[in-house]
N, C-alpha and C. Protein backbone atom coordinates (compact mmCIF):
# COMPACT_ATOMS: atom_id res chain seq x y z
N UNK A 1 -102.35 75.95 -63.87
CA UNK A 1 -101.67 74.71 -64.19
C UNK A 1 -101.42 73.99 -62.86
N UNK A 2 -101.67 72.72 -62.85
CA UNK A 2 -101.50 71.94 -61.64
C UNK A 2 -100.11 71.32 -61.58
N UNK A 3 -99.64 71.13 -60.34
CA UNK A 3 -98.32 70.57 -60.11
C UNK A 3 -98.17 69.21 -60.81
N UNK A 4 -99.17 68.37 -60.68
CA UNK A 4 -99.10 67.03 -61.27
C UNK A 4 -99.00 67.12 -62.79
N UNK A 5 -99.74 68.03 -63.40
CA UNK A 5 -99.70 68.18 -64.85
C UNK A 5 -98.31 68.63 -65.31
N UNK A 6 -97.71 69.56 -64.58
CA UNK A 6 -96.39 70.04 -64.96
C UNK A 6 -95.38 68.90 -64.94
N UNK A 7 -95.37 68.16 -63.83
CA UNK A 7 -94.38 67.10 -63.71
C UNK A 7 -94.69 65.91 -64.61
N UNK A 8 -95.96 65.68 -64.89
CA UNK A 8 -96.32 64.61 -65.83
C UNK A 8 -95.79 64.97 -67.22
N UNK A 9 -95.92 66.22 -67.57
CA UNK A 9 -95.41 66.67 -68.87
C UNK A 9 -93.90 66.59 -68.92
N UNK A 10 -93.25 67.00 -67.85
CA UNK A 10 -91.79 67.08 -67.85
C UNK A 10 -91.12 65.73 -67.62
N UNK A 11 -91.89 64.69 -67.34
CA UNK A 11 -91.25 63.38 -67.14
C UNK A 11 -91.04 62.64 -68.46
N UNK A 12 -91.41 63.26 -69.57
CA UNK A 12 -91.21 62.66 -70.89
C UNK A 12 -89.95 63.27 -71.52
N UNK A 13 -89.03 62.43 -71.95
CA UNK A 13 -87.74 62.90 -72.48
C UNK A 13 -87.91 63.81 -73.70
N UNK A 14 -88.78 63.44 -74.63
CA UNK A 14 -88.95 64.27 -75.83
C UNK A 14 -89.51 65.64 -75.47
N UNK A 15 -90.48 65.69 -74.58
CA UNK A 15 -91.04 66.98 -74.18
C UNK A 15 -89.99 67.85 -73.49
N UNK A 16 -89.16 67.26 -72.67
CA UNK A 16 -88.07 68.02 -72.03
C UNK A 16 -87.12 68.57 -73.08
N UNK A 17 -86.80 67.76 -74.05
CA UNK A 17 -85.88 68.19 -75.10
C UNK A 17 -86.50 69.31 -75.95
N UNK A 18 -87.81 69.22 -76.20
CA UNK A 18 -88.50 70.28 -76.94
C UNK A 18 -88.44 71.59 -76.14
N UNK A 19 -88.76 71.52 -74.85
CA UNK A 19 -88.69 72.71 -74.01
C UNK A 19 -87.29 73.30 -74.01
N UNK A 20 -86.30 72.43 -73.98
CA UNK A 20 -84.91 72.87 -73.98
C UNK A 20 -84.58 73.70 -75.23
N UNK A 21 -84.93 73.23 -76.41
CA UNK A 21 -84.57 73.98 -77.63
C UNK A 21 -85.44 75.23 -77.79
N UNK A 22 -86.66 75.19 -77.29
CA UNK A 22 -87.52 76.38 -77.41
C UNK A 22 -87.09 77.49 -76.47
N UNK A 23 -86.24 77.19 -75.50
CA UNK A 23 -85.71 78.25 -74.63
C UNK A 23 -84.84 79.22 -75.42
N UNK A 24 -84.30 78.77 -76.55
CA UNK A 24 -83.46 79.63 -77.39
C UNK A 24 -84.28 80.45 -78.38
N UNK A 25 -85.58 80.20 -78.47
CA UNK A 25 -86.43 80.95 -79.38
C UNK A 25 -87.38 80.04 -80.12
N UNK A 26 -88.29 80.63 -80.91
CA UNK A 26 -89.32 79.86 -81.60
C UNK A 26 -88.75 78.99 -82.71
N UNK A 27 -89.50 77.93 -83.00
CA UNK A 27 -89.13 77.03 -84.09
C UNK A 27 -90.39 76.54 -84.80
N UNK A 28 -90.25 76.34 -86.08
CA UNK A 28 -91.31 75.75 -86.89
C UNK A 28 -91.36 74.24 -86.60
N UNK A 29 -92.53 73.67 -86.71
CA UNK A 29 -92.71 72.23 -86.48
C UNK A 29 -91.74 71.43 -87.35
N UNK A 30 -91.55 71.84 -88.59
CA UNK A 30 -90.67 71.08 -89.48
C UNK A 30 -89.25 71.02 -88.95
N UNK A 31 -88.80 72.08 -88.28
CA UNK A 31 -87.45 72.07 -87.73
C UNK A 31 -87.37 71.26 -86.44
N UNK A 32 -88.43 71.27 -85.65
CA UNK A 32 -88.46 70.41 -84.48
C UNK A 32 -88.40 68.94 -84.91
N UNK A 33 -89.12 68.61 -85.97
CA UNK A 33 -89.08 67.25 -86.50
C UNK A 33 -87.66 66.89 -86.95
N UNK A 34 -86.98 67.83 -87.57
CA UNK A 34 -85.61 67.59 -88.03
C UNK A 34 -84.66 67.39 -86.85
N UNK A 35 -84.75 68.23 -85.85
CA UNK A 35 -83.87 68.12 -84.69
C UNK A 35 -84.03 66.78 -84.00
N UNK A 36 -85.29 66.36 -83.82
CA UNK A 36 -85.56 65.15 -83.04
C UNK A 36 -85.77 63.91 -83.90
N UNK A 37 -85.64 64.07 -85.21
CA UNK A 37 -85.78 62.95 -86.13
C UNK A 37 -87.03 62.14 -85.83
N UNK A 38 -88.16 62.84 -85.82
CA UNK A 38 -89.42 62.12 -85.55
C UNK A 38 -90.49 62.55 -86.55
N UNK A 39 -91.50 61.76 -86.64
CA UNK A 39 -92.59 61.99 -87.59
C UNK A 39 -93.47 63.14 -87.13
N UNK A 40 -94.16 63.72 -88.10
CA UNK A 40 -95.03 64.86 -87.83
C UNK A 40 -96.13 64.51 -86.83
N UNK A 41 -96.69 63.34 -86.92
CA UNK A 41 -97.77 62.94 -86.02
C UNK A 41 -97.28 62.92 -84.57
N UNK A 42 -96.13 62.34 -84.34
CA UNK A 42 -95.58 62.26 -82.99
C UNK A 42 -95.27 63.65 -82.45
N UNK A 43 -94.64 64.49 -83.28
CA UNK A 43 -94.29 65.84 -82.85
C UNK A 43 -95.55 66.65 -82.55
N UNK A 44 -96.54 66.57 -83.42
CA UNK A 44 -97.77 67.33 -83.21
C UNK A 44 -98.49 66.90 -81.94
N UNK A 45 -98.46 65.62 -81.65
CA UNK A 45 -99.10 65.11 -80.42
C UNK A 45 -98.42 65.70 -79.19
N UNK A 46 -97.10 65.72 -79.17
CA UNK A 46 -96.37 66.27 -78.03
C UNK A 46 -96.62 67.77 -77.89
N UNK A 47 -96.57 68.49 -79.00
CA UNK A 47 -96.79 69.94 -78.97
C UNK A 47 -98.21 70.28 -78.56
N UNK A 48 -99.18 69.53 -79.02
CA UNK A 48 -100.58 69.76 -78.65
C UNK A 48 -100.75 69.58 -77.13
N UNK A 49 -100.13 68.53 -76.59
CA UNK A 49 -100.21 68.26 -75.16
C UNK A 49 -99.61 69.43 -74.35
N UNK A 50 -98.45 69.91 -74.78
CA UNK A 50 -97.80 71.01 -74.07
C UNK A 50 -98.58 72.32 -74.25
N UNK A 51 -99.21 72.48 -75.39
CA UNK A 51 -100.02 73.67 -75.64
C UNK A 51 -101.26 73.67 -74.74
N UNK A 52 -101.90 72.52 -74.59
CA UNK A 52 -103.07 72.41 -73.72
C UNK A 52 -102.73 72.75 -72.27
N UNK A 53 -101.50 72.46 -71.85
CA UNK A 53 -101.06 72.77 -70.50
C UNK A 53 -100.58 74.21 -70.35
N UNK A 54 -100.50 74.92 -71.46
CA UNK A 54 -100.05 76.31 -71.42
C UNK A 54 -98.55 76.48 -71.37
N UNK A 55 -97.81 75.44 -71.73
CA UNK A 55 -96.35 75.51 -71.71
C UNK A 55 -95.80 76.15 -72.98
N UNK A 56 -96.45 75.90 -74.10
CA UNK A 56 -96.01 76.45 -75.38
C UNK A 56 -97.20 77.12 -76.07
N UNK A 57 -96.87 77.96 -77.01
CA UNK A 57 -97.86 78.65 -77.84
C UNK A 57 -97.52 78.37 -79.29
N UNK A 58 -98.53 78.01 -80.07
CA UNK A 58 -98.33 77.78 -81.50
C UNK A 58 -99.03 78.87 -82.29
N UNK A 59 -98.30 79.45 -83.23
CA UNK A 59 -98.86 80.51 -84.08
C UNK A 59 -98.74 80.09 -85.54
N UNK A 60 -99.88 80.08 -86.22
CA UNK A 60 -99.89 79.74 -87.63
C UNK A 60 -99.39 80.93 -88.43
N UNK A 61 -98.42 80.65 -89.31
CA UNK A 61 -97.90 81.65 -90.23
C UNK A 61 -97.89 81.00 -91.60
N UNK A 62 -98.87 81.38 -92.41
CA UNK A 62 -99.11 80.74 -93.72
C UNK A 62 -99.37 79.25 -93.47
N UNK A 63 -98.59 78.36 -94.11
CA UNK A 63 -98.84 76.92 -93.92
C UNK A 63 -98.01 76.34 -92.77
N UNK A 64 -97.23 77.16 -92.09
CA UNK A 64 -96.38 76.68 -91.00
C UNK A 64 -96.98 77.02 -89.65
N UNK A 65 -96.60 76.24 -88.65
CA UNK A 65 -96.94 76.57 -87.27
C UNK A 65 -95.63 76.71 -86.51
N UNK A 66 -95.45 77.87 -85.92
CA UNK A 66 -94.24 78.17 -85.17
C UNK A 66 -94.58 78.10 -83.68
N UNK A 67 -93.77 77.34 -82.96
CA UNK A 67 -93.99 77.17 -81.52
C UNK A 67 -92.92 77.91 -80.74
N UNK A 68 -93.34 78.44 -79.61
CA UNK A 68 -92.43 79.10 -78.67
C UNK A 68 -92.93 78.81 -77.27
N UNK A 69 -92.08 79.08 -76.28
CA UNK A 69 -92.51 78.94 -74.90
C UNK A 69 -93.56 79.99 -74.60
N UNK A 70 -94.53 79.65 -73.78
CA UNK A 70 -95.57 80.59 -73.40
C UNK A 70 -94.96 81.73 -72.60
N UNK A 71 -95.46 82.95 -72.83
CA UNK A 71 -94.92 84.13 -72.14
C UNK A 71 -95.24 84.11 -70.64
N UNK A 72 -96.47 83.88 -70.34
CA UNK A 72 -96.90 83.94 -68.94
C UNK A 72 -97.11 82.52 -68.42
N UNK A 73 -96.03 81.89 -68.07
CA UNK A 73 -96.15 80.52 -67.60
C UNK A 73 -96.26 80.49 -66.08
N UNK A 74 -96.73 79.40 -65.60
CA UNK A 74 -96.88 79.14 -64.18
C UNK A 74 -95.52 79.30 -63.48
N UNK A 75 -95.48 79.88 -62.27
CA UNK A 75 -94.20 80.04 -61.56
C UNK A 75 -93.45 78.73 -61.35
N UNK A 76 -94.18 77.65 -61.10
CA UNK A 76 -93.53 76.35 -60.92
C UNK A 76 -92.88 75.90 -62.22
N UNK A 77 -93.58 76.11 -63.34
CA UNK A 77 -93.00 75.76 -64.64
C UNK A 77 -91.77 76.63 -64.91
N UNK A 78 -91.86 77.91 -64.62
CA UNK A 78 -90.73 78.81 -64.85
C UNK A 78 -89.50 78.36 -64.06
N UNK A 79 -89.69 77.96 -62.82
CA UNK A 79 -88.57 77.48 -62.01
C UNK A 79 -87.98 76.19 -62.57
N UNK A 80 -88.86 75.30 -63.06
CA UNK A 80 -88.39 74.04 -63.64
C UNK A 80 -87.65 74.28 -64.95
N UNK A 81 -88.08 75.27 -65.73
CA UNK A 81 -87.36 75.61 -66.97
C UNK A 81 -85.98 76.16 -66.65
N UNK A 82 -85.87 76.95 -65.58
CA UNK A 82 -84.55 77.44 -65.16
C UNK A 82 -83.66 76.27 -64.76
N UNK A 83 -84.24 75.34 -64.04
CA UNK A 83 -83.49 74.15 -63.62
C UNK A 83 -83.05 73.34 -64.84
N UNK A 84 -83.95 73.20 -65.80
CA UNK A 84 -83.62 72.48 -67.03
C UNK A 84 -82.45 73.14 -67.74
N UNK A 85 -82.48 74.46 -67.81
CA UNK A 85 -81.40 75.19 -68.45
C UNK A 85 -80.09 74.98 -67.71
N UNK A 86 -80.14 74.99 -66.38
CA UNK A 86 -78.94 74.78 -65.58
C UNK A 86 -78.38 73.37 -65.75
N UNK A 87 -79.27 72.38 -65.90
CA UNK A 87 -78.86 70.98 -65.99
C UNK A 87 -78.56 70.54 -67.42
N UNK A 88 -78.86 71.39 -68.39
CA UNK A 88 -78.72 71.00 -69.80
C UNK A 88 -77.29 70.59 -70.15
N UNK A 89 -76.31 71.16 -69.49
CA UNK A 89 -74.93 70.81 -69.78
C UNK A 89 -74.54 69.42 -69.33
N UNK A 90 -75.33 68.84 -68.45
CA UNK A 90 -75.02 67.51 -67.92
C UNK A 90 -75.51 66.38 -68.82
N UNK A 91 -76.46 66.67 -69.68
CA UNK A 91 -77.01 65.66 -70.58
C UNK A 91 -76.56 65.96 -72.01
N UNK A 92 -75.84 65.05 -72.60
CA UNK A 92 -75.29 65.24 -73.94
C UNK A 92 -76.38 65.55 -74.97
N UNK A 93 -77.53 64.88 -74.86
CA UNK A 93 -78.59 65.09 -75.87
C UNK A 93 -79.08 66.53 -75.88
N UNK A 94 -79.11 67.21 -74.72
CA UNK A 94 -79.56 68.60 -74.69
C UNK A 94 -78.60 69.50 -75.46
N UNK A 95 -77.32 69.29 -75.28
CA UNK A 95 -76.33 70.08 -76.01
C UNK A 95 -76.40 69.79 -77.51
N UNK A 96 -76.55 68.52 -77.86
CA UNK A 96 -76.66 68.14 -79.27
C UNK A 96 -77.89 68.78 -79.91
N UNK A 97 -79.01 68.77 -79.19
CA UNK A 97 -80.24 69.37 -79.71
C UNK A 97 -80.06 70.86 -79.96
N UNK A 98 -79.42 71.55 -79.03
CA UNK A 98 -79.20 72.98 -79.18
C UNK A 98 -78.23 73.26 -80.33
N UNK A 99 -77.24 72.39 -80.53
CA UNK A 99 -76.32 72.54 -81.66
C UNK A 99 -77.06 72.35 -82.98
N UNK A 100 -77.95 71.35 -83.05
CA UNK A 100 -78.74 71.14 -84.26
C UNK A 100 -79.62 72.35 -84.54
N UNK A 101 -80.21 72.92 -83.48
CA UNK A 101 -81.04 74.11 -83.64
C UNK A 101 -80.20 75.24 -84.21
N UNK A 102 -79.01 75.46 -83.67
CA UNK A 102 -78.13 76.53 -84.15
C UNK A 102 -77.75 76.32 -85.62
N UNK A 103 -77.50 75.08 -86.01
CA UNK A 103 -77.18 74.77 -87.41
C UNK A 103 -78.36 75.09 -88.32
N UNK A 104 -79.57 74.76 -87.88
CA UNK A 104 -80.76 75.05 -88.68
C UNK A 104 -80.93 76.55 -88.85
N UNK A 105 -80.78 77.30 -87.76
CA UNK A 105 -80.94 78.76 -87.83
C UNK A 105 -79.88 79.36 -88.77
N UNK A 106 -78.65 78.89 -88.66
CA UNK A 106 -77.58 79.38 -89.54
C UNK A 106 -77.91 79.07 -91.00
N UNK A 107 -78.39 77.87 -91.26
CA UNK A 107 -78.76 77.47 -92.63
C UNK A 107 -79.88 78.35 -93.16
N UNK A 108 -80.88 78.64 -92.32
CA UNK A 108 -82.01 79.47 -92.75
C UNK A 108 -81.58 80.90 -93.04
N UNK A 109 -80.61 81.38 -92.29
CA UNK A 109 -80.12 82.74 -92.54
C UNK A 109 -79.40 82.84 -93.88
N UNK A 110 -78.71 81.75 -94.24
CA UNK A 110 -77.97 81.73 -95.50
C UNK A 110 -78.88 81.43 -96.68
N UNK A 111 -79.78 80.47 -96.50
CA UNK A 111 -80.65 80.02 -97.58
C UNK A 111 -82.09 79.92 -97.08
N UNK A 112 -82.81 81.03 -97.04
CA UNK A 112 -84.20 80.98 -96.57
C UNK A 112 -85.01 79.97 -97.37
N UNK A 113 -85.81 79.18 -96.68
CA UNK A 113 -86.57 78.12 -97.35
C UNK A 113 -88.06 78.43 -97.37
N UNK A 114 -88.44 79.61 -96.95
CA UNK A 114 -89.85 79.94 -96.94
C UNK A 114 -90.47 79.86 -95.55
N UNK A 115 -89.73 79.33 -94.60
CA UNK A 115 -90.26 79.28 -93.24
C UNK A 115 -90.41 80.70 -92.71
N UNK A 116 -91.28 80.86 -91.74
CA UNK A 116 -91.53 82.21 -91.20
C UNK A 116 -90.26 82.86 -90.66
N UNK A 117 -90.18 84.18 -90.83
CA UNK A 117 -89.01 84.91 -90.36
C UNK A 117 -88.93 84.94 -88.84
N UNK A 118 -90.01 84.64 -88.13
CA UNK A 118 -89.99 84.61 -86.67
C UNK A 118 -88.96 83.61 -86.17
N UNK A 119 -88.69 82.60 -86.96
CA UNK A 119 -87.75 81.55 -86.55
C UNK A 119 -86.32 82.06 -86.57
N UNK A 120 -85.98 82.90 -87.53
CA UNK A 120 -84.58 83.33 -87.66
C UNK A 120 -84.32 84.71 -87.09
N UNK A 121 -85.30 85.39 -86.61
CA UNK A 121 -85.08 86.72 -86.05
C UNK A 121 -84.98 86.64 -84.53
N UNK A 122 -83.89 86.05 -84.07
CA UNK A 122 -83.66 85.88 -82.63
C UNK A 122 -83.12 87.14 -82.03
C-alpha cells in the first residue's frame, strides 16, 4: 500500500467514519448504511475502494456482506488507525457513530434479524 493511497483514502470523512466503527468489530453493509444514513450504492462504492486498498475485508455470508478491518494492514495504516482511535473523542460524529453501532448490536442480540452472527459475536 502506498503512502499517497492511504492518505487519499483517509481524507474522506465517510471513509474515516467507517474505519472508526469497524475498529469495534465487523458490520453488515445494511448496518453501515443505517449508521451513516446513506444509500447502498454510496456505501458499496466506499467499501469497494477501501477493500481495493487492503484496508477492509468483505466476507459474503448468505445474502449479506460483512466488512471488517483487514488483519494484516500496512504499518502506516495501522499507526493512522491508532491515531484515529485516539482522536475519536474529539469529534462528536465519531462518538455518535460508535453509539449507533452499539445500539444496533444490542438490538440484534435481543431480536436477531437474520444478519450473520459474526456481527454480534464480539
